[in-house]
Amino acid sequence: QVQLVESGGGLVQAGGSLRLSCAASGRTFSNYAMGWFRQAPGREREFVATISWSTSSTYYANSVKGRFTISRDDAKNTVYLQMNSLKPSDTAVYYCAARTFYSDKPDAFNYWGQGTQVTVSS
């Protein structure tokens, strides 16, 4: 119903910045929210940030507050994750996600992208 494609990952030095993009296609009119998760090797997937499509309300994991910013472009059906002051601990595969049902929980999603690798070197 909704397809998500991430881009913008890469290699960056600690303290640097990257901006991830996630383009949504399909029944995008049904989206309630989009967000980002990440998964490091050998670890479980963890919540990073989410944004409401209608209100632009944002929520962040404590580990990225003050450093990451999630935003959206309605015309492009795209969500972004601006990542500043990157740390080696931010290294992970970052996944875009979308929710097509109502929920007041910021980490509830039912569609996922393929992921994009972010590597932060020291």
Protein backbone atom coordinates (compact mmCIF):
# COMPACT_ATOMS: atom_id res chain seq x y z
CA GLN A 1 0.00 0.00 0.00
CA VAL A 2 2.86 2.37 0.86
CA GLN A 3 6.40 2.01 -0.45
CA LEU A 4 9.35 3.73 1.21
CA VAL A 5 12.83 4.33 -0.22
CA GLU A 6 15.65 5.75 1.90
CA SER A 7 18.73 7.56 0.65
CA GLY A 8 21.52 9.78 1.93
CA GLY A 9 23.50 7.36 4.06
CA GLY A 10 27.26 7.22 3.96
CA LEU A 11 30.51 7.58 5.86
CA VAL A 12 31.16 10.64 8.00
CA GLN A 13 33.63 11.68 10.67
CA ALA A 14 32.51 12.10 14.26
CA GLY A 15 31.07 15.57 14.72
CA GLY A 16 29.92 15.74 11.12
CA SER A 17 26.46 15.81 9.59
CA LEU A 18 24.30 13.82 7.20
CA ARG A 19 20.77 14.23 5.92
CA LEU A 20 18.70 11.15 5.19
CA SER A 21 15.71 11.22 2.86
CA CYS A 22 12.74 8.89 2.60
CA ALA A 23 10.40 9.09 -0.37
CA ALA A 24 6.96 7.58 0.03
CA SER A 25 4.81 6.30 -2.82
CA GLY A 26 1.53 4.46 -3.18
CA ARG A 27 -1.39 5.36 -0.94
CA THR A 28 0.43 8.21 0.71
CA PHE A 29 -2.83 10.03 1.39
CA SER A 30 -3.51 7.48 4.11
CA ASN A 31 -0.32 8.27 6.07
CA TYR A 32 -0.75 9.44 9.64
CA ALA A 33 2.95 9.62 10.49
CA MET A 34 6.42 8.81 9.24
CA GLY A 35 9.56 8.17 11.20
CA TRP A 36 13.03 6.75 11.48
CA PHE A 37 14.46 3.72 13.25
CA ARG A 38 17.98 2.35 13.31
CA GLN A 39 19.64 -1.01 13.86
CA ALA A 40 23.30 -1.62 14.62
CA PRO A 41 24.94 -5.03 14.01
CA GLY A 42 23.90 -7.53 16.65
CA ARG A 43 21.39 -5.13 18.20
CA GLU A 44 17.64 -4.74 18.06
CA ARG A 45 15.99 -2.05 16.01
CA GLU A 46 15.46 1.13 18.02
CA PHE A 47 13.23 4.15 17.62
CA VAL A 48 14.89 7.39 16.51
CA ALA A 49 12.27 9.99 15.57
CA THR A 50 8.77 10.42 14.20
CA ILE A 51 6.65 13.20 12.74
CA SER A 52 2.91 13.52 12.38
CA TRP A 53 1.92 14.13 8.77
CA SER A 54 -0.99 16.40 9.63
CA THR A 55 0.34 18.40 12.58
CA SER A 56 4.14 18.09 12.18
CA SER A 57 4.41 17.14 15.84
CA THR A 58 7.77 15.49 16.42
CA TYR A 59 9.14 12.96 18.88
CA TYR A 60 12.74 11.93 19.44
CA ALA A 61 14.64 9.23 21.24
CA ASN A 62 16.64 10.59 24.15
CA SER A 63 19.86 9.47 22.49
CA VAL A 64 19.38 11.88 19.57
CA LYS A 65 17.55 14.83 21.13
CA GLY A 66 19.27 18.10 20.34
CA ARG A 67 21.29 16.55 17.51
CA PHE A 68 18.77 15.11 15.04
CA THR A 69 15.84 16.86 13.38
CA ILE A 70 13.01 15.18 11.51
CA SER A 71 11.06 17.16 8.93
CA ARG A 72 8.75 16.63 5.97
CA ASP A 73 7.94 17.94 2.51
CA ASP A 74 4.26 17.45 1.72
CA ALA A 75 4.62 18.13 -2.01
CA LYS A 76 7.31 15.46 -2.37
CA ASN A 77 5.81 12.98 0.10
CA THR A 78 9.24 12.89 1.67
CA VAL A 79 10.54 12.83 5.21
CA TYR A 80 14.05 13.88 6.18
CA LEU A 81 16.37 13.22 9.08
CA GLN A 82 19.01 15.88 9.59
CA MET A 83 21.76 14.39 11.74
CA ASN A 84 24.28 16.74 13.34
CA SER A 85 27.10 16.19 15.82
CA LEU A 86 27.27 12.55 14.79
CA LYS A 87 28.90 10.04 17.11
CA PRO A 88 30.36 6.59 16.39
CA SER A 89 27.46 5.18 18.43
CA ASP A 90 25.10 6.52 15.74
CA THR A 91 26.50 3.96 13.29
CA ALA A 92 23.63 1.76 12.11
CA VAL A 93 21.31 0.94 9.26
CA TYR A 94 18.61 3.59 9.31
CA TYR A 95 15.09 2.58 8.31
CA CYS A 96 12.25 4.82 7.23
CA ALA A 97 8.79 3.90 8.47
CA ALA A 98 5.18 4.94 7.88
CA ARG A 99 1.95 4.47 9.77
CA THR A 100 -1.41 4.29 7.99
CA PHE A 101 -3.58 3.90 11.08
CA TYR A 102 -4.37 6.20 13.95
CA SER A 103 -2.18 5.88 17.01
CA ASP A 104 -1.01 8.21 19.74
CA LYS A 105 2.14 6.12 20.17
CA PRO A 106 5.11 7.66 18.36
CA ASP A 107 6.77 4.29 17.67
CA ALA A 108 3.85 2.44 16.06
CA PHE A 109 4.44 1.79 12.32
CA ASN A 110 3.31 -0.74 9.74
CA TYR A 111 5.41 0.03 6.63
CA TRP A 112 9.20 -0.04 6.33
CA GLY A 113 11.89 0.92 3.86
CA GLN A 114 14.92 -1.15 2.92
CA GLY A 115 17.37 0.84 5.04
CA THR A 116 20.41 3.01 4.39
CA GLN A 117 23.80 2.57 6.05
CA VAL A 118 25.23 5.34 8.20
CA THR A 119 28.79 4.91 9.42
CA VAL A 120 30.42 7.40 11.78
CA SER A 121 34.16 7.05 12.20
CA SER A 122 36.23 8.30 15.12
